[in-house]
Structures are given as C-alpha cells and as structure tokens.
Protein backbone atom coordinates (compact mmCIF):
# COMPACT_ATOMS: atom_id res chain seq x y z
CA MET A 1 22.83 -8.90 -8.39
CA TYR A 2 21.42 -6.94 -11.26
CA ALA A 3 18.92 -4.05 -11.09
CA THR A 4 16.44 -2.78 -13.65
CA SER A 5 14.30 0.33 -13.62
CA ALA A 6 11.60 1.71 -15.92
CA ASP A 7 9.76 5.03 -15.91
CA TRP A 8 6.11 4.69 -16.86
CA SER A 9 3.41 7.17 -17.92
CA PHE A 10 -0.37 6.65 -17.81
CA ASP A 11 -3.63 8.58 -17.76
CA SER A 12 -4.47 7.22 -14.29
CA LEU A 13 -2.83 4.74 -11.95
CA PRO A 14 -3.65 1.29 -13.36
CA ASP A 15 -6.20 -0.77 -11.38
CA ARG A 16 -3.68 -3.60 -11.30
CA PHE A 17 -1.73 -1.60 -8.70
CA ARG A 18 -4.75 -0.84 -6.50
CA ILE A 19 -6.84 -2.70 -3.96
CA LYS A 20 -10.14 -1.25 -2.80
CA MET A 21 -10.03 -0.76 0.95
CA PRO A 22 -12.79 0.09 3.42
CA TYR A 23 -13.86 3.73 3.64
CA GLY A 24 -12.70 4.53 0.08
CA PHE A 25 -8.96 4.16 0.76
CA GLN A 26 -6.78 2.40 -1.79
CA SER A 27 -3.52 0.55 -1.54
CA THR A 28 -1.16 -1.08 -4.04
CA SER A 29 -1.89 -4.59 -5.11
CA ASN A 30 0.37 -7.52 -4.37
CA ASP A 31 -0.61 -9.41 -7.54
CA PHE A 32 2.00 -7.94 -9.88
CA PRO A 33 4.94 -8.18 -7.40
CA ALA A 34 4.04 -11.85 -6.85
CA GLU A 35 4.21 -12.43 -10.62
CA ILE A 36 7.63 -10.79 -10.84
CA LYS A 37 8.89 -12.77 -7.87
CA GLY A 38 7.79 -15.91 -9.72
CA MET A 39 10.08 -14.85 -12.58
CA GLY A 40 13.07 -14.72 -10.22
CA ALA A 41 13.04 -11.14 -8.87
CA LEU A 42 14.58 -10.64 -5.46
CA SER A 43 12.77 -7.38 -4.80
CA PHE A 44 10.33 -5.06 -6.60
CA PHE A 45 9.25 -1.48 -6.02
CA TYR A 46 6.61 0.49 -7.92
CA VAL A 47 6.66 4.16 -6.91
CA GLN A 48 4.03 6.62 -8.07
CA THR A 49 6.08 9.74 -8.93
CA SER A 50 3.18 12.01 -10.04
CA ALA A 51 -0.51 11.71 -10.93
CA THR A 52 0.44 10.27 -14.32
CA THR A 53 3.90 8.66 -13.82
CA ALA A 54 5.59 5.91 -11.86
CA ARG A 55 8.96 4.19 -11.64
CA SER A 56 9.44 0.45 -11.26
CA MET A 57 12.65 -0.86 -9.74
CA THR A 58 13.51 -4.55 -9.63
CA VAL A 59 16.55 -6.40 -8.30
CA TRP A 60 17.38 -9.77 -9.83
CA PRO A 61 19.97 -12.41 -8.89
CA ASP A 62 21.80 -11.85 -12.19
CA LYS A 63 21.55 -10.25 -15.63
CA ALA A 64 20.43 -13.47 -17.36
CA THR A 65 17.40 -13.81 -15.08
CA ALA A 66 16.52 -10.15 -15.60
CA GLN A 67 16.80 -10.33 -19.40
CA ALA A 68 14.68 -13.50 -19.54
CA ALA A 69 11.83 -11.69 -17.74
CA LEU A 70 12.15 -8.08 -18.94
CA SER A 71 10.50 -8.20 -22.36
CA ARG A 72 7.65 -10.30 -21.01
CA ILE A 73 7.09 -7.93 -18.13
CA ARG A 74 7.40 -4.66 -20.05
CA GLU A 75 5.32 -5.70 -22.99
CA GLY A 76 2.70 -7.42 -20.82
CA VAL A 77 2.26 -4.51 -18.39
CA ALA A 78 2.08 -1.97 -21.23
CA SER A 79 -0.61 -3.91 -23.09
CA GLU A 80 -2.59 -4.95 -19.98
CA THR A 81 -2.56 -1.63 -18.13
CA GLY A 82 -2.23 1.07 -20.80
CA GLN A 83 1.07 2.30 -19.39
CA THR A 84 3.84 3.58 -21.69
CA ILE A 85 7.55 3.17 -20.94
CA VAL A 86 9.24 6.54 -21.02
CA SER A 87 12.76 5.40 -20.17
CA VAL A 88 14.69 2.38 -18.81
CA CYS A 89 18.04 1.79 -17.12
CA GLU A 90 19.78 -1.27 -15.74
CA GLY A 91 23.09 -2.48 -14.42
CA GLU A 92 25.06 -4.50 -11.89
CA VAL A 93 24.36 -3.71 -8.24
CA LEU A 94 27.59 -2.45 -6.73
CA ALA A 95 26.36 -1.93 -3.13
CA ASN A 96 23.23 -2.31 -1.05
CA ILE A 97 22.15 -2.22 2.60
C-alpha cells in the first residue's frame, strides 16, 4: 500500500466538503471521497485542522495508482474549491491496524 497526504489552506471550508443538515448543522460531504475511491483509493480522510486549514490523507493499493490520480486530484480540488496546497508527503505504508 502507498499513502499520500496534503496540507491545504483556504479562506473558509469549501462547500464541497459540507452538507446542509437540519437545524443549521453541517457535516462533510461524501461526494469527493466517492470520486477518489473511483480513482482507486482504499481509504480517504479529510481533517479540518483549523478554521483555514485541513489535511487530506489517502491510502492507495500502490504507488502507480496514487501517481495516476494525484495530479488530477490536487489540481482539480485547488481550482474547484479555492484551496491551496501548503505541503505534501507520501510513501510506502509500513504498518497499519
């Protein structure tokens, strides 16, 4: 398995990661994770780390699958949601539970 991570910055949490819920509550959207799964991802996490930052973490079956999807994902999300990539890291998964 191969893991990728990106730190994102934004002015406000992109609507793409929200669903309007009753009584004004909001929750993350399942649209984007479904897209990534369609590109071969085994798991995806998007964690809001502050009011203006988030980290995405994705596990892929292998590096080739990750590399095939990464530029598409990162460029698409940046242009569609106004987020900016602050840093990225990736590597082979050595252990998981």
